[in-house]
PDB file of N, CA and C in Angstrom:
ATOM      1  N   MET A   1       3.566  37.455 -19.396  1.00  0.00           N
ATOM      2  CA  MET A   1       2.438  36.388 -19.557  1.00  0.00           C
ATOM      3  C   MET A   1       3.039  34.883 -19.736  1.00  0.00           C
ATOM      4  N   SER A   2       4.362  34.579 -20.157  1.00  0.00           N
ATOM      5  CA  SER A   2       4.464  33.699 -20.108  1.00  0.00           C
ATOM      6  C   SER A   2       4.999  32.719 -18.868  1.00  0.00           C
ATOM      7  N   ILE A   3       5.358  33.643 -17.923  1.00  0.00           N
ATOM      8  CA  ILE A   3       5.661  33.328 -16.458  1.00  0.00           C
ATOM      9  C   ILE A   3       4.623  32.827 -15.770  1.00  0.00           C
ATOM     10  N   ILE A   4       3.561  33.195 -16.302  1.00  0.00           N
ATOM     11  CA  ILE A   4       2.302  32.748 -15.675  1.00  0.00           C
ATOM     12  C   ILE A   4       1.904  31.516 -16.147  1.00  0.00           C
ATOM     13  N   VAL A   5       1.998  31.406 -17.544  1.00  0.00           N
ATOM     14  CA  VAL A   5       1.921  30.241 -18.325  1.00  0.00           C
ATOM     15  C   VAL A   5       2.508  28.801 -17.586  1.00  0.00           C
ATOM     16  N   THR A   6       4.007  29.540 -17.471  1.00  0.00           N
ATOM     17  CA  THR A   6       4.760  28.469 -17.006  1.00  0.00           C
ATOM     18  C   THR A   6       4.592  27.762 -15.548  1.00  0.00           C
ATOM     19  N   PHE A   7       4.203  28.941 -14.844  1.00  0.00           N
ATOM     20  CA  PHE A   7       3.515  28.627 -13.268  1.00  0.00           C
ATOM     21  C   PHE A   7       2.082  27.531 -13.599  1.00  0.00           C
ATOM     22  N   ILE A   8       1.463  27.801 -14.420  1.00  0.00           N
ATOM     23  CA  ILE A   8       0.134  27.308 -14.399  1.00  0.00           C
ATOM     24  C   ILE A   8       0.565  25.428 -14.866  1.00  0.00           C
ATOM     25  N   ASN A   9       1.513  25.286 -16.019  1.00  0.00           N
ATOM     26  CA  ASN A   9       1.673  24.237 -16.311  1.00  0.00           C
ATOM     27  C   ASN A   9       2.383  23.633 -15.300  1.00  0.00           C
ATOM     28  N   PHE A  10       3.354  24.159 -14.524  1.00  0.00           N
ATOM     29  CA  PHE A  10       4.039  23.546 -13.423  1.00  0.00           C
ATOM     30  C   PHE A  10       3.172  23.040 -12.315  1.00  0.00           C
ATOM     31  N   ALA A  11       2.129  23.972 -11.819  1.00  0.00           N
ATOM     32  CA  ALA A  11       1.240  23.404 -10.746  1.00  0.00           C
ATOM     33  C   ALA A  11       0.546  22.153 -11.456  1.00  0.00           C
ATOM     34  N   TYR A  12      -0.153  22.229 -12.640  1.00  0.00           N
ATOM     35  CA  TYR A  12      -0.750  21.296 -13.140  1.00  0.00           C
ATOM     36  C   TYR A  12      -0.114  19.732 -12.979  1.00  0.00           C
ATOM     37  N   TYR A  13       1.105  19.904 -13.644  1.00  0.00           N
ATOM     38  CA  TYR A  13       2.044  18.589 -13.912  1.00  0.00           C
ATOM     39  C   TYR A  13       2.410  18.215 -12.437  1.00  0.00           C
ATOM     40  N   ALA A  14       2.693  19.136 -11.444  1.00  0.00           N
ATOM     41  CA  ALA A  14       2.916  18.530 -10.132  1.00  0.00           C
ATOM     42  C   ALA A  14       1.532  17.923  -9.405  1.00  0.00           C
ATOM     43  N   LEU A  15       0.630  18.402  -9.491  1.00  0.00           N
ATOM     44  CA  LEU A  15      -0.828  17.770  -9.204  1.00  0.00           C
ATOM     45  C   LEU A  15      -0.938  16.715 -10.116  1.00  0.00           C
ATOM     46  N   VAL A  16      -0.729  16.399 -11.239  1.00  0.00           N
ATOM     47  CA  VAL A  16      -0.770  15.257 -11.799  1.00  0.00           C
ATOM     48  C   VAL A  16       0.052  14.133 -10.870  1.00  0.00           C
ATOM     49  N   ILE A  17       1.113  14.438 -10.858  1.00  0.00           N
ATOM     50  CA  ILE A  17       2.144  13.428 -10.460  1.00  0.00           C
ATOM     51  C   ILE A  17       1.716  13.185  -8.932  1.00  0.00           C
ATOM     52  N   LEU A  18       1.302  14.005  -8.074  1.00  0.00           N
ATOM     53  CA  LEU A  18       0.700  13.707  -6.898  1.00  0.00           C
ATOM     54  C   LEU A  18      -0.391  12.739  -7.007  1.00  0.00           C
ATOM     55  N   ILE A  19      -1.399  12.889  -7.986  1.00  0.00           N
ATOM     56  CA  ILE A  19      -2.490  12.374  -7.978  1.00  0.00           C
ATOM     57  C   ILE A  19      -2.249  10.894  -8.196  1.00  0.00           C
ATOM     58  N   PHE A  20      -0.993  10.634  -9.189  1.00  0.00           N
ATOM     59  CA  PHE A  20      -0.942   9.336  -9.978  1.00  0.00           C
ATOM     60  C   PHE A  20      -0.068   8.728  -8.592  1.00  0.00           C
ATOM     61  N   ALA A  21       0.627   9.531  -7.747  1.00  0.00           N
ATOM     62  CA  ALA A  21       1.584   8.852  -7.078  1.00  0.00           C
ATOM     63  C   ALA A  21       0.482   8.342  -5.617  1.00  0.00           C
ATOM     64  N   ARG A  22      -0.563   8.903  -5.559  1.00  0.00           N
ATOM     65  CA  ARG A  22      -1.431   8.537  -4.518  1.00  0.00           C
ATOM     66  C   ARG A  22      -2.236   7.306  -5.040  1.00  0.00           C
ATOM     67  N   ILE A  23      -2.544   7.202  -6.277  1.00  0.00           N
ATOM     68  CA  ILE A  23      -2.974   5.980  -6.844  1.00  0.00           C
ATOM     69  C   ILE A  23      -2.341   4.780  -6.764  1.00  0.00           C
ATOM     70  N   ILE A  24      -0.765   5.064  -6.813  1.00  0.00           N
ATOM     71  CA  ILE A  24       0.154   3.788  -7.164  1.00  0.00           C
ATOM     72  C   ILE A  24       0.070   3.633  -5.252  1.00  0.00           C
ATOM     73  N   LEU A  25       0.211   4.640  -4.762  1.00  0.00           N
ATOM     74  CA  LEU A  25       0.584   4.172  -3.162  1.00  0.00           C
ATOM     75  C   LEU A  25      -0.772   3.446  -2.492  1.00  0.00           C
ATOM     76  N   SER A  26      -1.651   3.873  -2.959  1.00  0.00           N
ATOM     77  CA  SER A  26      -3.077   3.018  -2.622  1.00  0.00           C
ATOM     78  C   SER A  26      -3.117   1.592  -2.779  1.00  0.00           C
ATOM     79  N   PHE A  27      -2.345   1.431  -3.903  1.00  0.00           N
ATOM     80  CA  PHE A  27      -2.521  -0.172  -4.226  1.00  0.00           C
ATOM     81  C   PHE A  27      -1.433  -1.319  -3.784  1.00  0.00           C
ATOM     82  N   VAL A  28      -0.109  -0.302  -3.675  1.00  0.00           N
ATOM     83  CA  VAL A  28       1.196  -0.588  -3.137  1.00  0.00           C
ATOM     84  C   VAL A  28       1.542  -0.263  -1.694  1.00  0.00           C
ATOM     85  N   ASN A  29       1.802  -1.433  -0.637  1.00  0.00           N
ATOM     86  CA  ASN A  29       2.291  -1.149   0.371  1.00  0.00           C
ATOM     87  C   ASN A  29       3.899  -1.036   0.539  1.00  0.00           C
ATOM     88  N   ILE A  30       4.119   0.602   0.651  1.00  0.00           N
ATOM     89  CA  ILE A  30       5.878   0.588   0.749  1.00  0.00           C
ATOM     90  C   ILE A  30       5.925   1.110   1.838  1.00  0.00           C
ATOM     91  N   GLY A  31       7.228   0.670   2.234  1.00  0.00           N
ATOM     92  CA  GLY A  31       7.489   1.097   3.432  1.00  0.00           C
ATOM     93  C   GLY A  31       7.689   2.308   4.192  1.00  0.00           C
ATOM     94  N   SER A  32       7.803   3.409   3.301  1.00  0.00           N
ATOM     95  CA  SER A  32       8.012   4.813   3.314  1.00  0.00           C
ATOM     96  C   SER A  32       6.502   5.181   3.904  1.00  0.00           C
ATOM     97  N   TYR A  33       6.244   5.243   5.046  1.00  0.00           N
ATOM     98  CA  TYR A  33       5.294   6.096   5.740  1.00  0.00           C
ATOM     99  C   TYR A  33       5.184   7.327   5.570  1.00  0.00           C
ATOM    100  N   GLU A  34       5.974   8.500   5.516  1.00  0.00           N
ATOM    101  CA  GLU A  34       6.222   9.614   5.715  1.00  0.00           C
ATOM    102  C   GLU A  34       5.527  10.115   4.159  1.00  0.00           C
ATOM    103  N   LEU A  35       6.299   9.245   3.128  1.00  0.00           N
ATOM    104  CA  LEU A  35       5.991   9.778   1.937  1.00  0.00           C
ATOM    105  C   LEU A  35       4.697   9.453   1.394  1.00  0.00           C
ATOM    106  N   ARG A  36       4.097   8.587   1.974  1.00  0.00           N
ATOM    107  CA  ARG A  36       2.757   8.098   1.848  1.00  0.00           C
ATOM    108  C   ARG A  36       1.649   9.169   2.382  1.00  0.00           C
ATOM    109  N   GLU A  37       2.190   9.299   3.534  1.00  0.00           N
ATOM    110  CA  GLU A  37       1.386  10.468   4.406  1.00  0.00           C
ATOM    111  C   GLU A  37       1.456  11.703   3.568  1.00  0.00           C
ATOM    112  N   MET A  38       2.510  12.350   3.215  1.00  0.00           N
ATOM    113  CA  MET A  38       2.728  13.286   2.809  1.00  0.00           C
ATOM    114  C   MET A  38       1.601  13.585   1.302  1.00  0.00           C
ATOM    115  N   VAL A  39       1.634  12.644   0.574  1.00  0.00           N
ATOM    116  CA  VAL A  39       0.920  12.556  -0.863  1.00  0.00           C
ATOM    117  C   VAL A  39      -0.563  12.558  -0.441  1.00  0.00           C
ATOM    118  N   PHE A  40      -0.915  11.951   1.018  1.00  0.00           N
ATOM    119  CA  PHE A  40      -2.277  11.777   1.062  1.00  0.00           C
ATOM    120  C   PHE A  40      -2.658  13.155   1.688  1.00  0.00           C
ATOM    121  N   ARG A  41      -1.906  13.745   2.278  1.00  0.00           N
ATOM    122  CA  ARG A  41      -2.172  15.013   3.215  1.00  0.00           C
ATOM    123  C   ARG A  41      -2.453  16.271   1.860  1.00  0.00           C
ATOM    124  N   LEU A  42      -0.984  15.918   0.786  1.00  0.00           N
ATOM    125  CA  LEU A  42      -1.614  16.973  -0.617  1.00  0.00           C
ATOM    126  C   LEU A  42      -3.090  16.869  -1.015  1.00  0.00           C
ATOM    127  N   THR A  43      -3.245  15.680  -1.234  1.00  0.00           N
ATOM    128  CA  THR A  43      -4.510  15.633  -2.264  1.00  0.00           C
ATOM    129  C   THR A  43      -5.568  15.194  -1.654  1.00  0.00           C
ATOM    130  N   GLU A  44      -5.634  15.111  -0.354  1.00  0.00           N
ATOM    131  CA  GLU A  44      -6.909  14.690  -0.031  1.00  0.00           C
ATOM    132  C   GLU A  44      -7.924  16.162   0.134  1.00  0.00           C
ATOM    133  N   PRO A  45      -7.465  17.113   0.276  1.00  0.00           N
ATOM    134  CA  PRO A  45      -8.449  18.367   0.537  1.00  0.00           C
ATOM    135  C   PRO A  45      -9.125  18.626  -1.228  1.00  0.00           C
ATOM    136  N   LEU A  46      -8.439  18.072  -2.188  1.00  0.00           N
ATOM    137  CA  LEU A  46      -9.149  18.149  -3.375  1.00  0.00           C
ATOM    138  C   LEU A  46      -9.983  17.103  -3.911  1.00  0.00           C
ATOM    139  N   LEU A  47      -9.657  15.441  -3.124  1.00  0.00           N
ATOM    140  CA  LEU A  47     -10.245  14.644  -3.599  1.00  0.00           C
ATOM    141  C   LEU A  47     -11.587  14.380  -2.376  1.00  0.00           C
ATOM    142  N   ALA A  48     -11.406  15.043  -1.550  1.00  0.00           N
ATOM    143  CA  ALA A  48     -12.727  14.825  -0.603  1.00  0.00           C
ATOM    144  C   ALA A  48     -13.900  15.334  -0.869  1.00  0.00           C
ATOM    145  N   PRO A  49     -13.901  16.482  -1.203  1.00  0.00           N
ATOM    146  CA  PRO A  49     -15.311  17.044  -2.003  1.00  0.00           C
ATOM    147  C   PRO A  49     -15.724  16.245  -3.006  1.00  0.00           C
ATOM    148  N   LEU A  50     -14.732  15.816  -3.857  1.00  0.00           N
ATOM    149  CA  LEU A  50     -15.333  15.177  -5.105  1.00  0.00           C
ATOM    150  C   LEU A  50     -16.110  13.776  -4.517  1.00  0.00           C
ATOM    151  N   ARG A  51     -15.602  12.962  -3.414  1.00  0.00           N
ATOM    152  CA  ARG A  51     -16.355  11.682  -3.012  1.00  0.00           C
ATOM    153  C   ARG A  51     -17.336  12.222  -2.246  1.00  0.00           C
ATOM    154  N   ASN A  52     -17.608  13.310  -1.826  1.00  0.00           N
ATOM    155  CA  ASN A  52     -19.199  13.408  -1.084  1.00  0.00           C
ATOM    156  C   ASN A  52     -20.118  13.685  -2.495  1.00  0.00           C
ATOM    157  N   ILE A  53     -19.436  14.212  -3.325  1.00  0.00           N
ATOM    158  CA  ILE A  53     -20.685  14.265  -4.679  1.00  0.00           C
ATOM    159  C   ILE A  53     -20.723  13.117  -5.155  1.00  0.00           C
ATOM    160  N   LEU A  54     -19.688  12.208  -5.659  1.00  0.00           N
ATOM    161  CA  LEU A  54     -19.980  11.165  -6.431  1.00  0.00           C
ATOM    162  C   LEU A  54     -20.965   9.963  -5.490  1.00  0.00           C
ATOM    163  N   PRO A  55     -21.669   9.204  -5.939  1.00  0.00           N
ATOM    164  CA  PRO A  55     -22.629   8.232  -5.490  1.00  0.00           C
ATOM    165  C   PRO A  55     -21.330   7.093  -5.088  1.00  0.00           C
ATOM    166  N   PRO A  56     -21.693   5.928  -4.427  1.00  0.00           N
ATOM    167  CA  PRO A  56     -20.936   4.911  -4.155  1.00  0.00           C
ATOM    168  C   PRO A  56     -20.727   4.020  -5.389  1.00  0.00           C
ATOM    169  N   MET A  57     -19.683   3.400  -5.804  1.00  0.00           N
ATOM    170  CA  MET A  57     -19.566   2.681  -6.932  1.00  0.00           C
ATOM    171  C   MET A  57     -19.061   1.453  -6.728  1.00  0.00           C
ATOM    172  N   GLY A  58     -19.723   0.665  -5.456  1.00  0.00           N
ATOM    173  CA  GLY A  58     -18.941  -0.774  -5.143  1.00  0.00           C
ATOM    174  C   GLY A  58     -17.558  -0.788  -5.070  1.00  0.00           C
ATOM    175  N   GLY A  59     -16.978   0.177  -4.099  1.00  0.00           N
ATOM    176  CA  GLY A  59     -15.784   0.384  -3.301  1.00  0.00           C
ATOM    177  C   GLY A  59     -14.850   0.974  -4.792  1.00  0.00           C
ATOM    178  N   LEU A  60     -14.928   1.449  -5.576  1.00  0.00           N
ATOM    179  CA  LEU A  60     -14.232   1.974  -6.619  1.00  0.00           C
ATOM    180  C   LEU A  60     -14.361   3.403  -6.260  1.00  0.00           C
ATOM    181  N   ASP A  61     -13.121   4.046  -6.382  1.00  0.00           N
ATOM    182  CA  ASP A  61     -13.249   5.542  -6.746  1.00  0.00           C
ATOM    183  C   ASP A  61     -12.600   6.002  -7.377  1.00  0.00           C
ATOM    184  N   PHE A  62     -13.473   6.870  -7.982  1.00  0.00           N
ATOM    185  CA  PHE A  62     -13.215   7.703  -9.479  1.00  0.00           C
ATOM    186  C   PHE A  62     -12.754   9.010  -9.322  1.00  0.00           C
ATOM    187  N   SER A  63     -12.816   9.253  -8.042  1.00  0.00           N
ATOM    188  CA  SER A  63     -12.545  10.892  -7.651  1.00  0.00           C
ATOM    189  C   SER A  63     -11.241  11.228  -8.154  1.00  0.00           C
ATOM    190  N   PRO A  64      -9.969  10.564  -8.155  1.00  0.00           N
ATOM    191  CA  PRO A  64      -8.806  11.058  -9.042  1.00  0.00           C
ATOM    192  C   PRO A  64      -9.132  11.101 -10.717  1.00  0.00           C
ATOM    193  N   MET A  65      -9.753  10.500 -11.086  1.00  0.00           N
ATOM    194  CA  MET A  65      -9.948  10.634 -12.391  1.00  0.00           C
ATOM    195  C   MET A  65     -10.860  11.642 -12.966  1.00  0.00           C
ATOM    196  N   ILE A  66     -11.865  12.161 -11.886  1.00  0.00           N
ATOM    197  CA  ILE A  66     -12.506  13.414 -12.035  1.00  0.00           C
ATOM    198  C   ILE A  66     -11.709  14.528 -11.869  1.00  0.00           C
ATOM    199  N   LEU A  67     -11.005  14.429 -11.062  1.00  0.00           N
ATOM    200  CA  LEU A  67     -10.299  15.499 -10.814  1.00  0.00           C
ATOM    201  C   LEU A  67      -9.066  15.709 -11.608  1.00  0.00           C
ATOM    202  N   LEU A  68      -8.624  14.780 -12.454  1.00  0.00           N
ATOM    203  CA  LEU A  68      -7.453  14.917 -13.440  1.00  0.00           C
ATOM    204  C   LEU A  68      -8.036  15.705 -14.521  1.00  0.00           C
ATOM    205  N   ILE A  69      -9.408  15.224 -14.847  1.00  0.00           N
ATOM    206  CA  ILE A  69      -9.879  15.719 -16.114  1.00  0.00           C
ATOM    207  C   ILE A  69     -10.785  17.225 -16.010  1.00  0.00           C
ATOM    208  N   ALA A  70     -10.845  17.399 -14.675  1.00  0.00           N
ATOM    209  CA  ALA A  70     -11.162  18.723 -14.106  1.00  0.00           C
ATOM    210  C   ALA A  70     -10.161  19.789 -14.267  1.00  0.00           C
ATOM    211  N   VAL A  71      -8.909  19.409 -13.862  1.00  0.00           N
ATOM    212  CA  VAL A  71      -7.777  20.192 -13.638  1.00  0.00           C
ATOM    213  C   VAL A  71      -7.421  20.395 -15.078  1.00  0.00           C
ATOM    214  N   ALA A  72      -7.266  19.200 -15.886  1.00  0.00           N
ATOM    215  CA  ALA A  72      -6.799  19.718 -17.239  1.00  0.00           C
ATOM    216  C   ALA A  72      -7.555  20.414 -18.105  1.00  0.00           C
ATOM    217  N   PHE A  73      -9.251  20.557 -17.687  1.00  0.00           N
ATOM    218  CA  PHE A  73     -10.117  21.590 -18.308  1.00  0.00           C
ATOM    219  C   PHE A  73      -9.864  22.756 -17.881  1.00  0.00           C
ATOM    220  N   LEU A  74      -9.347  22.832 -16.471  1.00  0.00           N
ATOM    221  CA  LEU A  74      -9.295  24.385 -16.152  1.00  0.00           C
ATOM    222  C   LEU A  74      -7.734  25.030 -16.628  1.00  0.00           C
ATOM    223  N   ARG A  75      -6.696  23.738 -16.578  1.00  0.00           N
ATOM    224  CA  ARG A  75      -5.399  24.500 -17.172  1.00  0.00           C
ATOM    225  C   ARG A  75      -5.760  24.617 -18.682  1.00  0.00           C
ATOM    226  N   ARG A  76      -6.188  24.028 -19.355  1.00  0.00           N
ATOM    227  CA  ARG A  76      -6.597  24.711 -20.688  1.00  0.00           C
ATOM    228  C   ARG A  76      -7.636  26.014 -20.835  1.00  0.00           C
ATOM    229  N   PHE A  77      -8.204  26.064 -20.239  1.00  0.00           N
ATOM    230  CA  PHE A  77      -9.054  27.177 -20.048  1.00  0.00           C
ATOM    231  C   PHE A  77      -8.157  28.713 -19.616  1.00  0.00           C
ATOM    232  N   LEU A  78      -7.423  28.402 -18.550  1.00  0.00           N
ATOM    233  CA  LEU A  78      -6.618  29.653 -18.018  1.00  0.00           C
ATOM    234  C   LEU A  78      -5.516  29.830 -19.167  1.00  0.00           C
ATOM    235  N   ILE A  79      -4.818  28.923 -19.735  1.00  0.00           N
ATOM    236  CA  ILE A  79      -4.161  29.140 -20.688  1.00  0.00           C
ATOM    237  C   ILE A  79      -4.600  30.083 -21.733  1.00  0.00           C
ATOM    238  N   ILE A  80      -5.613  29.379 -22.234  1.00  0.00           N
ATOM    239  CA  ILE A  80      -6.397  30.292 -23.522  1.00  0.00           C
ATOM    240  C   ILE A  80      -6.723  31.646 -23.366  1.00  0.00           C
ATOM    241  N   ALA A  81      -7.511  31.771 -22.096  1.00  0.00           N
ATOM    242  CA  ALA A  81      -7.673  33.148 -21.503  1.00  0.00           C
ATOM    243  C   ALA A  81      -6.449  34.218 -21.803  1.00  0.00           C
ATOM    244  N   LEU A  82      -5.516  33.445 -21.081  1.00  0.00           N
ATOM    245  CA  LEU A  82      -4.040  34.448 -20.931  1.00  0.00           C
ATOM    246  C   LEU A  82      -3.392  34.656 -22.352  1.00  0.00           C
ATOM    247  N   ILE A  83      -3.519  33.953 -23.305  1.00  0.00           N
ATOM    248  CA  ILE A  83      -2.851  34.226 -24.631  1.00  0.00           C
ATOM    249  C   ILE A  83      -3.638  35.247 -25.501  1.00  0.00           C
TER     250      ILE A  83
END
């Protein structure tokens, strides 16, 4: 049971790091194109459906925040269900 909880926590924190990296990379122009492309390819399949659901909000993208909240609730639900 604890290995499953450990895996869930690892996946959660890895996703959080990727989402924050994407937020930072969208504001800052870093010379490493490969890093930026990797982060965008890993996070886009999760963020694109949220962008389709959310209405346009004046150029602001709230999909990363919504995804972080949803993943946190999912993590908490899964851990409580397993314990």
